[in-house]
């Protein structure tokens, strides 16, 4: 909104107005605004939820301090979503297709989570929204994201042009003012299904390689493969974040860490100088997403004020489904989705612990007539709770692991 105001008023000599053309300034403004909204609006919403007795129904799982949380307000994800959407609308360029896609993702998954929480809290149905409807909503979002990336002419990747021998084409550029000559690679903007592949020399993977054996038809079939991968990633990460939201501050803190990392990756991928220096894929117009992720970081960090142990409010599915989906779509857009298992390693660990626990229990029950467990309880954070480790210590240690994974993720830009 302010960027549009800048375009209208830039002809006038208004002091300070020019700051709105810089992504760094608008990102800083977005994160500060997000924090203010979270702090101010958060307290009022918590009081409103308490008055309406919108509290979490706690199942007795035999965990220490668990029953003390009964009645803690839930649906606090509304605070997070509001703190993301408003600063983005204020400071991001709303004609940017990537910003529009992230806003749709935030509202879409937030609405699915809200419906789930509403059924649990107001209709007193502990099961909430049926799983098939959640999956349907996530798959639908995946289709929207895939179609947008395929159809929008603004979604392109800048690649170096090669000649018939496979060598990169170069050209001599003469500076108009100084007459100084320099050699640059010739580039072009193309529609592509390429993504970043860590640790390898060329640092890129093209989904069309999966279907190259088909021949000419692989040019359009690759988009179906790409769409399938997008749907799978969004569904998996969104549900993994939902599983991680089991103890105070865990999902919020790990999401904030992942958000910071993705923000750095988006900024360097959208800056032609840094992209060239790091020899990574340059994506035009992607730098604007730094404003969105700044609001995301502010929202998650600010929500920790209320959600850290002992939590004054839970985010509920309204927040957890949206957080995972946002991280997934953001990573897909900046072509870093293959890094998700590393970056969101905590989410992956939580998800795997449930899969392993359920699979092993079913296997042993079928084979021996009695189910056995690998963990004391899943997801894995409950396993550590069962071992008597304090909740706050578990969360802090998981954050530390998340930070290490985030640093390693950034390091992959040069590790090849």
Protein backbone atom coordinates (compact mmCIF):
# COMPACT_ATOMS: atom_id res chain seq x y z
CA UNK A 1 0.00 0.00 0.00
CA UNK A 2 2.78 2.44 0.93
CA UNK A 3 4.72 1.40 -2.17
CA UNK A 4 1.73 2.42 -4.30
CA UNK A 5 1.56 5.70 -2.39
CA UNK A 6 5.23 6.22 -3.16
CA UNK A 7 4.60 5.72 -6.89
CA UNK A 8 1.82 8.33 -6.80
CA UNK A 9 3.76 10.91 -4.79
CA UNK A 10 7.36 10.41 -5.93
CA UNK A 11 7.06 13.42 -8.22
CA UNK A 12 6.69 15.65 -5.15
CA UNK A 13 9.62 16.59 -2.96
CA UNK A 14 8.43 14.92 0.24
CA UNK A 15 11.26 14.24 2.75
CA UNK A 16 11.69 10.56 3.62
CA UNK A 17 9.28 9.29 0.97
CA UNK A 18 12.09 7.77 -1.08
CA UNK A 19 12.81 5.27 1.71
CA UNK A 20 9.81 3.23 0.57
CA UNK A 21 11.57 2.21 -2.64
CA UNK A 22 14.11 0.17 -0.66
CA UNK A 23 13.35 -3.43 0.28
CA UNK A 24 15.57 -3.17 3.36
CA UNK A 25 13.55 -0.25 4.77
CA UNK A 26 10.16 -1.82 4.01
CA UNK A 27 11.29 -5.14 5.51
CA UNK A 28 12.42 -3.37 8.68
CA UNK A 29 9.10 -1.52 8.85
CA UNK A 30 7.21 -4.80 8.32
CA UNK A 31 8.96 -6.63 11.14
CA UNK A 32 8.51 -3.73 13.57
CA UNK A 33 4.84 -3.34 12.67
CA UNK A 34 4.33 -7.08 13.03
CA UNK A 35 5.86 -7.04 16.50
CA UNK A 36 3.66 -4.10 17.57
CA UNK A 37 0.52 -5.83 16.31
CA UNK A 38 1.46 -9.07 18.05
CA UNK A 39 2.14 -7.36 21.35
CA UNK A 40 -0.86 -5.00 21.31
CA UNK A 41 -3.49 -7.07 19.55
CA UNK A 42 -2.28 -10.27 21.18
CA UNK A 43 -3.07 -9.18 24.72
CA UNK A 44 -6.57 -8.00 23.77
CA UNK A 45 -7.33 -11.20 21.87
CA UNK A 46 -6.16 -13.38 24.75
CA UNK A 47 -8.50 -11.51 27.11
CA UNK A 48 -11.37 -11.89 24.65
CA UNK A 49 -10.73 -15.61 24.29
CA UNK A 50 -10.63 -15.97 28.07
CA UNK A 51 -13.94 -14.15 28.47
CA UNK A 52 -15.55 -16.39 25.86
CA UNK A 53 -13.93 -19.40 27.60
CA UNK A 54 -12.32 -20.54 24.36
CA UNK A 55 -9.89 -22.86 26.08
CA UNK A 56 -7.93 -25.89 25.01
CA UNK A 57 -9.39 -29.27 25.87
CA UNK A 58 -6.46 -31.29 27.19
CA UNK A 59 -6.35 -35.06 26.83
CA UNK A 60 -4.72 -36.74 29.82
CA UNK A 61 -1.59 -38.32 28.35
CA UNK A 62 0.13 -38.68 31.70
CA UNK A 63 2.61 -35.87 31.03
CA UNK A 64 3.92 -33.71 33.85
CA UNK A 65 2.17 -30.33 34.08
CA UNK A 66 -0.18 -31.20 31.26
CA UNK A 67 -3.47 -30.80 33.10
CA UNK A 68 -2.37 -27.36 34.35
CA UNK A 69 -2.76 -26.14 30.76
CA UNK A 70 -6.45 -26.96 30.68
CA UNK A 71 -8.46 -23.87 29.83
CA UNK A 72 -5.53 -22.01 28.24
CA UNK A 73 -6.97 -19.97 25.34
CA UNK A 74 -6.47 -21.47 21.89
CA UNK A 75 -6.98 -20.15 18.35
CA UNK A 76 -4.10 -17.75 18.99
CA UNK A 77 -3.01 -18.35 15.42
CA UNK A 78 -5.30 -15.43 14.60
CA UNK A 79 -2.65 -13.20 16.20
CA UNK A 80 0.06 -14.63 13.96
CA UNK A 81 -1.96 -14.40 10.76
CA UNK A 82 -3.05 -10.82 11.46
CA UNK A 83 0.55 -9.84 12.20
CA UNK A 84 1.66 -11.29 8.87
CA UNK A 85 -1.10 -10.04 6.60
CA UNK A 86 -1.40 -6.40 7.75
CA UNK A 87 2.34 -5.45 7.49
CA UNK A 88 2.54 -7.24 4.14
CA UNK A 89 -0.43 -5.27 2.81
CA UNK A 90 1.13 -2.05 4.10
CA UNK A 91 4.73 -2.41 2.96
CA UNK A 92 4.97 -4.99 0.16
CA UNK A 93 4.30 -4.37 -3.52
CA UNK A 94 0.89 -5.91 -4.02
CA UNK A 95 1.35 -6.22 -7.79
CA UNK A 96 4.11 -8.75 -7.19
CA UNK A 97 2.83 -12.25 -8.02
CA UNK A 98 4.93 -13.84 -5.29
CA UNK A 99 3.48 -11.57 -2.60
CA UNK A 100 -0.05 -12.35 -3.80
CA UNK A 101 0.70 -16.08 -3.68
CA UNK A 102 2.03 -15.89 -0.13
CA UNK A 103 -1.00 -13.91 1.05
CA UNK A 104 -3.32 -16.50 -0.51
CA UNK A 105 -1.35 -19.27 1.21
CA UNK A 106 -1.55 -17.54 4.60
CA UNK A 107 -5.29 -16.90 4.45
CA UNK A 108 -6.13 -20.26 2.82
CA UNK A 109 -4.40 -22.48 5.37
CA UNK A 110 -5.32 -20.15 8.22
CA UNK A 111 -8.97 -20.57 7.29
CA UNK A 112 -8.67 -24.38 7.21
CA UNK A 113 -7.06 -24.33 10.65
CA UNK A 114 -9.67 -21.89 11.96
CA UNK A 115 -12.51 -24.18 10.84
CA UNK A 116 -10.80 -27.09 12.60
CA UNK A 117 -10.39 -25.10 15.83
CA UNK A 118 -13.94 -23.77 15.61
CA UNK A 119 -15.36 -27.30 15.41
CA UNK A 120 -13.24 -28.40 18.39
CA UNK A 121 -13.95 -25.39 20.59
CA UNK A 122 -17.47 -24.23 19.77
CA UNK A 123 -19.05 -27.45 18.53
CA UNK A 124 -17.25 -29.50 21.22
CA UNK A 125 -16.07 -32.10 18.69
CA UNK A 126 -12.59 -33.22 19.75
CA UNK A 127 -11.89 -34.67 16.31
CA UNK A 128 -12.24 -31.28 14.63
CA UNK A 129 -12.30 -31.01 10.87
CA UNK A 130 -12.12 -34.43 9.20
CA UNK A 131 -8.64 -35.28 7.99
CA UNK A 132 -9.78 -35.79 4.40
CA UNK A 133 -11.03 -32.19 4.26
CA UNK A 134 -7.71 -30.89 5.61
CA UNK A 135 -5.85 -32.86 2.96
CA UNK A 136 -8.27 -31.63 0.30
CA UNK A 137 -7.60 -28.04 1.34
CA UNK A 138 -3.84 -28.54 1.27
CA UNK A 139 -3.93 -30.30 -2.10
CA UNK A 140 -6.13 -27.52 -3.50
CA UNK A 141 -3.59 -24.94 -2.37
CA UNK A 142 -0.83 -26.99 -3.99
CA UNK A 143 -2.72 -26.96 -7.29
CA UNK A 144 -3.18 -23.17 -7.04
CA UNK A 145 0.54 -22.67 -6.38
CA UNK A 146 1.55 -24.99 -9.23
CA UNK A 147 -0.82 -23.36 -11.73
CA UNK A 148 0.38 -19.89 -10.75
CA UNK A 149 4.03 -20.81 -11.18
CA UNK A 150 3.19 -22.39 -14.55
CA UNK A 151 0.84 -19.77 -16.00
CA UNK A 152 2.12 -16.44 -14.67
CA UNK A 153 4.48 -14.69 -17.11
CA UNK A 154 6.17 -12.99 -14.14
CA UNK A 155 7.45 -16.31 -12.76
CA UNK A 156 10.78 -16.78 -14.55
CA UNK A 157 14.38 -17.69 -13.85
CA UNK A 158 17.32 -15.83 -15.39
CA UNK A 159 19.72 -18.25 -17.06
CA UNK A 160 23.01 -17.86 -18.89
CA UNK A 161 22.77 -18.41 -22.65
CA UNK A 162 24.80 -21.26 -24.15
CA UNK A 163 26.04 -21.62 -27.71
CA UNK A 164 25.87 -24.77 -29.88
CA UNK A 165 29.01 -26.14 -28.21
CA UNK A 166 27.45 -25.79 -24.76
CA UNK A 167 29.69 -22.89 -23.71
CA UNK A 168 28.30 -19.78 -22.04
CA UNK A 169 27.97 -16.79 -24.37
CA UNK A 170 29.69 -13.58 -23.30
CA UNK A 171 29.39 -9.99 -24.49
CA UNK A 172 31.43 -6.82 -24.07
CA UNK A 173 29.58 -4.02 -22.32
CA UNK A 174 30.79 -0.42 -22.65
CA UNK A 175 29.98 2.03 -19.84
CA UNK A 176 28.34 5.13 -21.35
CA UNK A 177 29.90 7.69 -19.02
CA UNK A 178 33.45 6.33 -18.61
CA UNK A 179 33.83 4.25 -21.76
CA UNK A 180 35.19 1.41 -19.62
CA UNK A 181 34.68 -2.07 -21.06
CA UNK A 182 33.67 -5.18 -19.14
CA UNK A 183 32.73 -8.73 -20.08
CA UNK A 184 29.35 -10.13 -19.01
CA UNK A 185 27.46 -13.36 -19.60
CA UNK A 186 24.47 -13.11 -21.93
CA UNK A 187 21.29 -14.02 -20.03
CA UNK A 188 17.62 -14.59 -20.73
CA UNK A 189 14.49 -15.02 -18.58
CA UNK A 190 12.82 -18.40 -19.05
CA UNK A 191 10.02 -20.51 -17.58
CA UNK A 192 11.70 -23.29 -15.70
CA UNK A 193 11.16 -26.22 -13.33
CA UNK A 194 14.68 -25.95 -11.99
CA UNK A 195 15.38 -25.86 -8.29
CA UNK A 196 18.44 -25.66 -6.05
CA UNK A 197 20.21 -28.92 -5.31
CA UNK A 198 22.74 -28.72 -2.46
CA UNK A 199 26.27 -30.14 -2.39
CA UNK A 200 26.60 -30.69 -6.17
CA UNK A 201 28.78 -28.63 -8.50
CA UNK A 202 26.09 -27.26 -10.82
CA UNK A 203 23.86 -26.67 -7.79
CA UNK A 204 20.67 -27.18 -9.80
CA UNK A 205 18.11 -29.91 -10.43
CA UNK A 206 15.46 -29.82 -13.15
CA UNK A 207 12.28 -31.83 -12.61
CA UNK A 208 12.16 -32.55 -16.33
CA UNK A 209 15.16 -34.85 -15.90
CA UNK A 210 12.80 -37.31 -14.21
CA UNK A 211 10.76 -37.65 -17.42
CA UNK A 212 13.48 -37.06 -20.04
CA UNK A 213 13.14 -40.65 -21.23
CA UNK A 214 9.68 -39.80 -22.64
CA UNK A 215 11.18 -37.56 -25.29
CA UNK A 216 9.41 -34.47 -26.65
CA UNK A 217 6.39 -34.90 -24.37
CA UNK A 218 8.65 -34.42 -21.34
CA UNK A 219 8.51 -30.64 -21.92
CA UNK A 220 4.92 -30.43 -20.63
CA UNK A 221 4.77 -33.61 -18.54
CA UNK A 222 7.52 -32.14 -16.33
CA UNK A 223 4.96 -29.60 -15.05
CA UNK A 224 2.76 -32.42 -13.79
CA UNK A 225 5.76 -33.87 -11.95
CA UNK A 226 6.56 -30.41 -10.57
CA UNK A 227 2.93 -29.90 -9.48
CA UNK A 228 2.89 -33.29 -7.74
CA UNK A 229 6.09 -32.39 -5.86
CA UNK A 230 4.58 -29.03 -4.81
CA UNK A 231 1.39 -30.67 -3.49
CA UNK A 232 3.40 -33.29 -1.59
CA UNK A 233 5.72 -30.71 -0.02
CA UNK A 234 2.94 -28.35 1.09
CA UNK A 235 0.88 -31.17 2.61
CA UNK A 236 3.85 -32.77 4.37
CA UNK A 237 5.34 -29.59 5.88
CA UNK A 238 1.96 -28.17 6.91
CA UNK A 239 1.04 -31.36 8.76
CA UNK A 240 4.53 -31.67 10.25
CA UNK A 241 4.25 -28.19 11.75
CA UNK A 242 0.88 -29.19 13.17
CA UNK A 243 2.49 -32.22 14.88
CA UNK A 244 5.33 -30.06 16.24
CA UNK A 245 2.86 -27.75 17.97
CA UNK A 246 2.65 -29.93 21.07
CA UNK A 247 4.57 -28.03 23.75
CA UNK A 248 4.87 -24.33 24.52
CA UNK A 249 6.91 -22.34 22.00
CA UNK A 250 8.28 -25.27 20.02
CA UNK A 251 6.51 -24.78 16.67
CA UNK A 252 6.65 -20.99 16.97
CA UNK A 253 10.37 -20.83 17.70
CA UNK A 254 11.43 -23.34 15.07
CA UNK A 255 9.25 -21.57 12.49
CA UNK A 256 10.93 -18.26 13.31
CA UNK A 257 14.38 -19.81 12.82
CA UNK A 258 13.35 -21.30 9.47
CA UNK A 259 11.81 -17.95 8.49
CA UNK A 260 15.05 -16.07 9.10
CA UNK A 261 16.96 -18.59 6.97
CA UNK A 262 14.46 -18.43 4.10
CA UNK A 263 14.58 -14.64 4.27
CA UNK A 264 18.34 -14.70 3.74
CA UNK A 265 18.00 -17.17 0.86
CA UNK A 266 15.26 -15.06 -0.75
CA UNK A 267 17.29 -11.86 -0.48
CA UNK A 268 20.44 -13.29 -2.11
CA UNK A 269 18.41 -15.09 -4.79
CA UNK A 270 16.64 -11.84 -5.67
CA UNK A 271 19.79 -9.71 -5.72
CA UNK A 272 21.66 -10.09 -9.00
CA UNK A 273 25.00 -9.11 -7.46
CA UNK A 274 24.85 -11.64 -4.60
CA UNK A 275 23.39 -14.33 -6.86
CA UNK A 276 26.26 -13.87 -9.32
CA UNK A 277 28.86 -13.86 -6.53
CA UNK A 278 27.46 -17.04 -4.94
CA UNK A 279 26.86 -18.57 -8.39
CA UNK A 280 23.26 -19.41 -7.52
CA UNK A 281 20.01 -19.12 -9.42
CA UNK A 282 18.83 -15.52 -9.87
CA UNK A 283 15.05 -15.11 -9.73
CA UNK A 284 13.74 -11.70 -10.87
CA UNK A 285 11.28 -9.92 -8.53
CA UNK A 286 11.81 -12.48 -5.75
CA UNK A 287 13.52 -9.99 -3.45
CA UNK A 288 10.13 -8.49 -2.60
CA UNK A 289 9.39 -11.63 -0.58
CA UNK A 290 11.88 -10.33 1.99
CA UNK A 291 9.14 -7.95 3.14
CA UNK A 292 6.69 -10.82 3.63
CA UNK A 293 9.15 -13.03 5.49
CA UNK A 294 10.11 -10.08 7.71
CA UNK A 295 6.45 -9.82 8.76
CA UNK A 296 6.44 -13.60 9.30
CA UNK A 297 9.51 -13.40 11.55
CA UNK A 298 8.02 -10.52 13.54
CA UNK A 299 4.75 -12.42 13.97
CA UNK A 300 6.37 -15.63 15.21
CA UNK A 301 8.88 -13.91 17.50
CA UNK A 302 6.15 -11.64 18.88
CA UNK A 303 3.83 -14.59 19.45
CA UNK A 304 6.55 -16.24 21.53
CA UNK A 305 5.97 -13.47 24.08
CA UNK A 306 2.61 -15.09 24.81
CA UNK A 307 3.36 -18.68 23.77
CA UNK A 308 6.65 -19.33 25.60
CA UNK A 309 6.51 -21.58 28.67
CA UNK A 310 4.14 -21.39 30.47
CA UNK A 311 1.97 -20.43 27.50
CA UNK A 312 -0.75 -17.82 27.92
CA UNK A 313 -2.27 -18.81 24.57
CA UNK A 314 -1.98 -21.68 22.09
CA UNK A 315 -1.87 -21.07 18.34
CA UNK A 316 -4.13 -24.03 17.55
CA UNK A 317 -4.45 -25.40 14.04
CA UNK A 318 -5.23 -21.84 12.92
CA UNK A 319 -1.56 -21.08 13.36
CA UNK A 320 0.28 -24.38 12.99
CA UNK A 321 -1.20 -25.42 9.63
CA UNK A 322 -0.53 -21.95 8.24
CA UNK A 323 3.05 -21.74 9.54
CA UNK A 324 4.07 -25.02 7.92
CA UNK A 325 2.32 -24.17 4.66
CA UNK A 326 3.90 -20.72 4.51
CA UNK A 327 7.40 -22.14 4.94
CA UNK A 328 6.72 -24.79 2.29
CA UNK A 329 5.31 -22.42 -0.35
CA UNK A 330 8.00 -19.83 0.34
CA UNK A 331 10.74 -22.43 -0.16
CA UNK A 332 9.08 -23.62 -3.37
CA UNK A 333 8.84 -20.09 -4.77
CA UNK A 334 12.52 -19.30 -4.13
CA UNK A 335 13.49 -22.71 -5.60
CA UNK A 336 14.91 -24.08 -2.34
CA UNK A 337 12.32 -26.78 -1.57
CA UNK A 338 14.87 -29.61 -1.67
CA UNK A 339 16.54 -27.94 1.32
CA UNK A 340 13.37 -28.30 3.43
CA UNK A 341 14.36 -31.64 5.05
CA UNK A 342 17.53 -29.94 6.28
CA UNK A 343 16.12 -26.52 7.13
CA UNK A 344 12.93 -27.88 8.73
CA UNK A 345 14.73 -30.83 10.29
CA UNK A 346 12.76 -30.51 13.53
CA UNK A 347 9.47 -30.80 11.62
CA UNK A 348 10.87 -33.82 9.76
CA UNK A 349 11.98 -35.48 13.00
CA UNK A 350 8.56 -34.97 14.57
CA UNK A 351 6.83 -36.37 11.49
CA UNK A 352 9.13 -39.38 11.22
CA UNK A 353 8.73 -40.21 14.90
CA UNK A 354 4.96 -40.53 14.43
CA UNK A 355 5.34 -42.59 11.24
CA UNK A 356 7.87 -44.93 12.88
CA UNK A 357 5.80 -45.29 16.04
CA UNK A 358 2.53 -46.07 14.25
CA UNK A 359 4.13 -48.35 11.64
CA UNK A 360 6.08 -50.37 14.21
CA UNK A 361 3.08 -50.68 16.51
CA UNK A 362 0.91 -52.03 13.69
CA UNK A 363 3.64 -54.37 12.49
CA UNK A 364 4.31 -55.89 15.92
CA UNK A 365 0.60 -56.16 16.69
CA UNK A 366 0.04 -58.07 13.47
CA UNK A 367 3.08 -60.31 13.99
CA UNK A 368 3.02 -60.88 17.76
CA UNK A 369 -0.57 -60.06 18.65
CA UNK A 370 0.53 -57.16 20.83
CA UNK A 371 1.71 -53.77 19.65
CA UNK A 372 5.14 -52.53 20.71
CA UNK A 373 6.53 -49.00 20.64
CA UNK A 374 9.86 -47.50 19.62
CA UNK A 375 9.34 -44.29 21.61
CA UNK A 376 7.71 -43.79 24.99
CA UNK A 377 5.29 -41.50 23.16
CA UNK A 378 5.14 -39.71 19.82
CA UNK A 379 5.67 -37.10 18.49
CA UNK A 380 9.20 -37.28 19.81
CA UNK A 381 8.99 -34.21 22.07
CA UNK A 382 6.52 -36.20 24.21
CA UNK A 383 9.10 -39.02 24.38
CA UNK A 384 11.52 -36.66 26.10
CA UNK A 385 8.75 -35.40 28.38
CA UNK A 386 8.08 -38.99 29.42
CA UNK A 387 11.77 -39.32 30.29
CA UNK A 388 11.32 -36.51 32.80
CA UNK A 389 13.08 -33.70 30.91
CA UNK A 390 11.44 -30.32 31.68
CA UNK A 391 9.35 -28.89 28.87
CA UNK A 392 11.30 -25.62 28.66
CA UNK A 393 14.60 -27.50 28.32
CA UNK A 394 13.24 -29.68 25.51
CA UNK A 395 12.08 -26.60 23.59
CA UNK A 396 15.40 -24.78 24.07
CA UNK A 397 17.41 -27.79 22.90
CA UNK A 398 15.19 -28.21 19.85
CA UNK A 399 15.71 -24.53 19.05
CA UNK A 400 19.48 -25.03 19.26
CA UNK A 401 19.26 -27.96 16.85
CA UNK A 402 17.08 -25.80 14.59
CA UNK A 403 19.68 -23.00 14.59
CA UNK A 404 22.48 -25.44 13.72
CA UNK A 405 20.42 -26.82 10.83
CA UNK A 406 19.63 -23.27 9.66
CA UNK A 407 23.32 -22.30 9.62
CA UNK A 408 24.15 -25.49 7.74
CA UNK A 409 21.38 -24.73 5.23
CA UNK A 410 22.88 -21.31 4.49
CA UNK A 411 26.33 -22.87 4.21
CA UNK A 412 25.09 -25.12 1.39
CA UNK A 413 25.15 -22.06 -0.86
CA UNK A 414 28.93 -22.49 -1.09
CA UNK A 415 29.29 -26.20 -0.24
CA UNK A 416 29.37 -28.06 -3.54
